[in-house]
Every structure is written in structure tokens, then in C-alpha cells.
Amino acid sequence: MSLSETERMLAGQGLTTAEILYRMPDFKTVLQSYLWQEYDTAPDFPRLYSFLEFWERELDGPLHSVRYTYRRLISPGEWTKVDGEIVLH
């Protein structure tokens, strides 16, 4: 079962964005850029590494470099559970 984005954030995952530069298969001197974005867990980044392993195994364009950034969108101090609501007027 797949988790929703909110469940992933509450589980400690953050938004990971990677800019992947790769060489064109037919023109090795030409670099192309690919942007990848997914919720992942720092510092191991299992989803990013899994994607990069897939890329090297299945795609023709060899990797040149990968730059990434990571941001937790919800931190423990920002989330509180609400058990009830009182409406006035």
C-alpha cells in the first residue's frame, strides 16, 4: 500500500530534488539535464540511489553528475494532533 504525501512527511521523509546531468548516447560531448523529485529519507536517500541504479542499468545515457537538495517540509515541532474542535457562534 502506498503512503500519501502527508504520511510520508510525518514519517520523517522530506522532498528531495536532484538535477541529473547525463551524456547523450550518440553525442558524448553533449550534456542533457533531467530533474527528479520525490519524497526520500536523509541521509541514506534510498529512493534516489534506487533511481540512479535503475538509470545506470536500463538507460543508455551515461551519468555525468548529480546535484541534489533535501528539505523536510514538516518537522516534529510544527505538527500537533487535534482531538476535538470547539466552535463558538
Protein backbone atom coordinates (compact mmCIF):
# COMPACT_ATOMS: atom_id res chain seq x y z
CA MET A 1 0.00 0.00 0.00
CA SER A 2 1.34 3.39 -0.99
CA LEU A 3 1.59 6.17 1.59
CA SER A 4 0.13 9.60 0.95
CA GLU A 5 2.43 12.63 0.82
CA THR A 6 1.31 13.74 4.29
CA GLU A 7 2.01 10.28 5.73
CA ARG A 8 5.46 10.32 4.15
CA MET A 9 6.22 13.73 5.66
CA LEU A 10 5.01 12.62 9.09
CA ALA A 11 7.20 9.53 8.83
CA GLY A 12 10.27 11.78 8.52
CA GLN A 13 10.67 11.91 4.76
CA GLY A 14 11.48 15.17 3.02
CA LEU A 15 11.29 16.44 -0.52
CA THR A 16 14.44 15.53 -2.45
CA THR A 17 15.18 17.24 -5.75
CA ALA A 18 18.05 16.03 -7.93
CA GLU A 19 19.45 17.59 -11.08
CA ILE A 20 20.98 14.81 -13.13
CA LEU A 21 23.41 15.65 -15.91
CA TYR A 22 24.00 12.86 -18.40
CA ARG A 23 25.74 12.42 -21.72
CA MET A 24 23.76 11.89 -24.89
CA PRO A 25 24.21 8.30 -26.13
CA ASP A 26 25.06 9.35 -29.72
CA PHE A 27 26.94 12.58 -28.90
CA LYS A 28 29.17 12.01 -25.85
CA THR A 29 30.26 15.66 -25.68
CA VAL A 30 26.67 16.93 -25.25
CA LEU A 31 25.19 17.05 -21.75
CA GLN A 32 21.47 16.87 -21.05
CA SER A 33 19.71 17.73 -17.80
CA TYR A 34 16.98 15.73 -16.06
CA LEU A 35 15.14 16.88 -12.94
CA TRP A 36 13.98 14.19 -10.46
CA GLN A 37 11.82 14.93 -7.41
CA GLU A 38 10.49 12.51 -4.80
CA TYR A 39 9.99 12.15 -1.05
CA ASP A 40 13.01 10.43 0.46
CA THR A 41 14.78 9.85 3.78
CA ALA A 42 18.09 11.57 4.60
CA PRO A 43 20.97 10.84 4.95
CA ASP A 44 20.77 7.49 3.10
CA PHE A 45 18.40 8.57 0.27
CA PRO A 46 17.28 5.03 -0.68
CA ARG A 47 14.79 6.18 -3.35
CA LEU A 48 17.33 8.44 -5.07
CA TYR A 49 20.01 5.73 -5.09
CA SER A 50 17.49 3.20 -6.36
CA PHE A 51 16.57 5.54 -9.22
CA LEU A 52 20.24 6.14 -10.08
CA GLU A 53 20.92 2.38 -10.09
CA PHE A 54 17.94 1.92 -12.43
CA TRP A 55 19.32 4.68 -14.68
CA GLU A 56 22.76 3.09 -14.95
CA ARG A 57 21.30 -0.39 -15.50
CA GLU A 58 18.49 0.40 -18.00
CA LEU A 59 19.20 3.70 -19.80
CA ASP A 60 21.77 4.44 -22.49
CA GLY A 61 22.85 7.94 -21.43
CA PRO A 62 25.80 7.64 -19.01
CA LEU A 63 25.63 9.80 -15.90
CA HIS A 64 27.91 12.80 -15.69
CA SER A 65 26.95 14.30 -12.32
CA VAL A 66 24.11 14.55 -9.79
CA ARG A 67 23.33 17.58 -7.61
CA TYR A 68 20.61 17.29 -5.02
CA THR A 69 18.84 19.23 -2.31
CA TYR A 70 16.72 17.96 0.57
CA ARG A 71 14.07 19.73 2.64
CA ARG A 72 11.85 18.38 5.40
CA LEU A 73 8.50 20.06 4.95
CA ILE A 74 7.08 19.12 8.34
CA SER A 75 9.26 18.99 11.42
CA PRO A 76 8.19 17.48 14.76
CA GLY A 77 7.60 20.87 16.38
CA GLU A 78 5.20 22.02 13.66
CA TRP A 79 2.62 19.23 13.92
CA THR A 80 0.16 18.71 16.76
CA LYS A 81 -2.67 16.21 16.95
CA VAL A 82 -6.13 17.72 17.45
CA ASP A 83 -8.64 15.53 19.29
CA GLY A 84 -11.59 17.90 19.11
CA GLU A 85 -12.86 21.24 17.97
CA ILE A 86 -14.97 23.84 19.75
CA VAL A 87 -16.96 26.19 17.54
CA LEU A 88 -18.11 29.49 19.04
CA HIS A 89 -21.01 31.34 17.38
